Amino acid sequence: MTFTRTIPSTPSSARQLVSEAMEYLAFLKESSYARSVTEFDFRLALDEAMEKALSHGKGNDQKKRI
């Protein structure tokens, strides 16, 4: 199972993506996948990845997509 999205390089889009990914994690956990993944660790990793993608990867250019 894969969760893939392409979003605009904006903080609001990143927040929405994190929200959708958290819902996907809940679905996986309910389906007996990803049982050992905690919501805290998953959210922390997503927040870090989004911050780095926005600031370093795309240079805070909201016209670019991540």
N, C-alpha and C. Protein backbone atom coordinates (compact mmCIF):
# COMPACT_ATOMS: atom_id res chain seq x y z
N MET A 1 0.84 -1.17 0.00
CA MET A 1 0.00 0.00 0.00
C MET A 1 0.89 1.24 0.00
N THR A 2 0.48 2.21 -0.78
CA THR A 2 1.28 3.42 -0.94
C THR A 2 0.43 4.66 -0.77
N PHE A 3 1.01 5.68 -0.17
CA PHE A 3 0.37 6.98 -0.02
C PHE A 3 1.25 7.97 -0.77
N THR A 4 0.77 8.49 -1.90
CA THR A 4 1.55 9.41 -2.71
C THR A 4 0.72 10.64 -3.02
N ARG A 5 1.32 11.80 -2.85
CA ARG A 5 0.66 13.06 -3.17
C ARG A 5 1.69 14.04 -3.72
N THR A 6 1.24 14.94 -4.57
CA THR A 6 2.03 16.08 -5.01
C THR A 6 1.23 17.31 -4.62
N ILE A 7 1.89 18.23 -3.91
CA ILE A 7 1.17 19.39 -3.39
C ILE A 7 1.93 20.68 -3.71
N PRO A 8 1.23 21.82 -3.68
CA PRO A 8 1.93 23.11 -3.79
C PRO A 8 2.84 23.30 -2.58
N SER A 9 3.89 24.07 -2.76
CA SER A 9 4.85 24.32 -1.67
C SER A 9 4.33 25.41 -0.74
N THR A 10 3.24 25.12 -0.05
CA THR A 10 2.68 26.08 0.91
C THR A 10 2.47 25.38 2.25
N PRO A 11 2.60 26.12 3.32
CA PRO A 11 2.38 25.52 4.64
C PRO A 11 0.98 24.92 4.79
N SER A 12 -0.03 25.57 4.24
CA SER A 12 -1.39 25.04 4.39
C SER A 12 -1.54 23.72 3.63
N SER A 13 -0.92 23.59 2.47
CA SER A 13 -0.96 22.33 1.74
C SER A 13 -0.21 21.24 2.49
N ALA A 14 0.90 21.61 3.11
CA ALA A 14 1.66 20.64 3.90
C ALA A 14 0.84 20.15 5.09
N ARG A 15 0.15 21.06 5.76
CA ARG A 15 -0.69 20.67 6.90
C ARG A 15 -1.80 19.72 6.45
N GLN A 16 -2.41 20.02 5.30
CA GLN A 16 -3.46 19.15 4.78
C GLN A 16 -2.91 17.77 4.45
N LEU A 17 -1.73 17.72 3.85
CA LEU A 17 -1.11 16.44 3.52
C LEU A 17 -0.83 15.63 4.79
N VAL A 18 -0.32 16.28 5.82
CA VAL A 18 -0.04 15.59 7.07
C VAL A 18 -1.34 15.04 7.65
N SER A 19 -2.40 15.81 7.60
CA SER A 19 -3.69 15.35 8.09
C SER A 19 -4.17 14.11 7.33
N GLU A 20 -4.06 14.15 6.01
CA GLU A 20 -4.46 13.00 5.19
C GLU A 20 -3.58 11.78 5.48
N ALA A 21 -2.30 12.02 5.66
CA ALA A 21 -1.39 10.91 5.95
C ALA A 21 -1.69 10.29 7.31
N MET A 22 -2.08 11.12 8.28
CA MET A 22 -2.44 10.59 9.60
C MET A 22 -3.70 9.73 9.50
N GLU A 23 -4.65 10.15 8.68
CA GLU A 23 -5.84 9.34 8.46
C GLU A 23 -5.48 8.01 7.79
N TYR A 24 -4.55 8.07 6.87
CA TYR A 24 -4.10 6.85 6.19
C TYR A 24 -3.41 5.90 7.18
N LEU A 25 -2.61 6.46 8.08
CA LEU A 25 -1.97 5.63 9.10
C LEU A 25 -3.03 4.97 9.97
N ALA A 26 -4.06 5.70 10.34
CA ALA A 26 -5.14 5.11 11.15
C ALA A 26 -5.79 3.95 10.40
N PHE A 27 -6.03 4.14 9.09
CA PHE A 27 -6.59 3.06 8.28
C PHE A 27 -5.67 1.85 8.27
N LEU A 28 -4.37 2.08 8.10
CA LEU A 28 -3.41 0.98 8.08
C LEU A 28 -3.40 0.23 9.42
N LYS A 29 -3.44 0.98 10.50
CA LYS A 29 -3.43 0.35 11.82
C LYS A 29 -4.70 -0.47 12.04
N GLU A 30 -5.84 0.05 11.59
CA GLU A 30 -7.10 -0.68 11.71
C GLU A 30 -7.10 -1.95 10.86
N SER A 31 -6.33 -1.92 9.77
CA SER A 31 -6.23 -3.07 8.86
C SER A 31 -5.10 -4.01 9.24
N SER A 32 -4.55 -3.83 10.44
CA SER A 32 -3.47 -4.65 10.99
C SER A 32 -2.13 -4.47 10.28
N TYR A 33 -1.96 -3.32 9.62
CA TYR A 33 -0.65 -2.95 9.08
C TYR A 33 -0.08 -1.87 9.99
N ALA A 34 1.21 -1.71 9.96
CA ALA A 34 1.88 -0.62 10.69
C ALA A 34 1.52 -0.61 12.17
N ARG A 35 1.34 -1.77 12.76
CA ARG A 35 0.96 -1.83 14.18
C ARG A 35 2.00 -1.22 15.11
N SER A 36 3.26 -1.35 14.73
CA SER A 36 4.32 -0.86 15.63
C SER A 36 4.63 0.62 15.44
N VAL A 37 4.00 1.28 14.48
CA VAL A 37 4.25 2.70 14.23
C VAL A 37 3.35 3.53 15.15
N THR A 38 3.96 4.41 15.94
CA THR A 38 3.15 5.27 16.80
C THR A 38 2.74 6.53 16.05
N GLU A 39 1.61 7.07 16.41
CA GLU A 39 1.15 8.29 15.78
C GLU A 39 2.14 9.43 16.01
N PHE A 40 2.71 9.48 17.20
CA PHE A 40 3.68 10.53 17.52
C PHE A 40 4.89 10.46 16.59
N ASP A 41 5.48 9.28 16.46
CA ASP A 41 6.67 9.14 15.61
C ASP A 41 6.36 9.42 14.15
N PHE A 42 5.22 8.94 13.69
CA PHE A 42 4.81 9.15 12.30
C PHE A 42 4.61 10.64 12.04
N ARG A 43 3.92 11.32 12.94
CA ARG A 43 3.65 12.75 12.78
C ARG A 43 4.95 13.55 12.84
N LEU A 44 5.83 13.19 13.74
CA LEU A 44 7.11 13.88 13.85
C LEU A 44 7.91 13.76 12.56
N ALA A 45 7.98 12.57 12.00
CA ALA A 45 8.70 12.35 10.75
C ALA A 45 8.07 13.15 9.60
N LEU A 46 6.75 13.15 9.54
CA LEU A 46 6.06 13.91 8.48
C LEU A 46 6.30 15.41 8.62
N ASP A 47 6.18 15.92 9.83
CA ASP A 47 6.39 17.35 10.05
C ASP A 47 7.81 17.76 9.65
N GLU A 48 8.78 16.96 10.03
CA GLU A 48 10.18 17.25 9.67
C GLU A 48 10.38 17.20 8.16
N ALA A 49 9.83 16.18 7.52
CA ALA A 49 9.97 16.05 6.07
C ALA A 49 9.32 17.22 5.34
N MET A 50 8.16 17.64 5.79
CA MET A 50 7.46 18.75 5.14
C MET A 50 8.23 20.05 5.33
N GLU A 51 8.73 20.28 6.53
CA GLU A 51 9.50 21.50 6.79
C GLU A 51 10.74 21.56 5.91
N LYS A 52 11.45 20.46 5.82
CA LYS A 52 12.66 20.42 4.99
C LYS A 52 12.32 20.59 3.51
N ALA A 53 11.26 19.96 3.06
CA ALA A 53 10.87 20.09 1.65
C ALA A 53 10.49 21.52 1.32
N LEU A 54 9.76 22.18 2.22
CA LEU A 54 9.33 23.55 1.97
C LEU A 54 10.50 24.53 2.01
N SER A 55 11.33 24.43 3.03
CA SER A 55 12.37 25.43 3.21
C SER A 55 13.65 25.13 2.44
N HIS A 56 14.10 23.91 2.45
CA HIS A 56 15.38 23.58 1.81
C HIS A 56 15.20 23.09 0.38
N GLY A 57 14.27 22.21 0.19
CA GLY A 57 14.09 21.61 -1.13
C GLY A 57 13.53 22.57 -2.16
N LYS A 58 12.62 23.42 -1.74
CA LYS A 58 11.96 24.33 -2.69
C LYS A 58 12.23 25.79 -2.38
N GLY A 59 13.06 26.06 -1.41
CA GLY A 59 13.46 27.43 -1.11
C GLY A 59 12.30 28.37 -0.80
N ASN A 60 11.26 27.84 -0.18
CA ASN A 60 10.06 28.61 0.17
C ASN A 60 9.39 29.25 -1.06
N ASP A 61 9.61 28.67 -2.23
CA ASP A 61 8.97 29.15 -3.46
C ASP A 61 7.62 28.47 -3.60
N GLN A 62 6.55 29.22 -3.36
CA GLN A 62 5.21 28.64 -3.35
C GLN A 62 4.72 28.25 -4.74
N LYS A 63 5.44 28.64 -5.78
CA LYS A 63 5.06 28.24 -7.14
C LYS A 63 5.51 26.82 -7.46
N LYS A 64 6.48 26.32 -6.70
CA LYS A 64 6.98 24.97 -6.92
C LYS A 64 6.12 23.96 -6.18
N ARG A 65 6.21 22.71 -6.61
CA ARG A 65 5.41 21.63 -6.01
C ARG A 65 6.35 20.64 -5.32
N ILE A 66 5.83 20.01 -4.30
CA ILE A 66 6.59 18.97 -3.60
C ILE A 66 5.76 17.70 -3.58
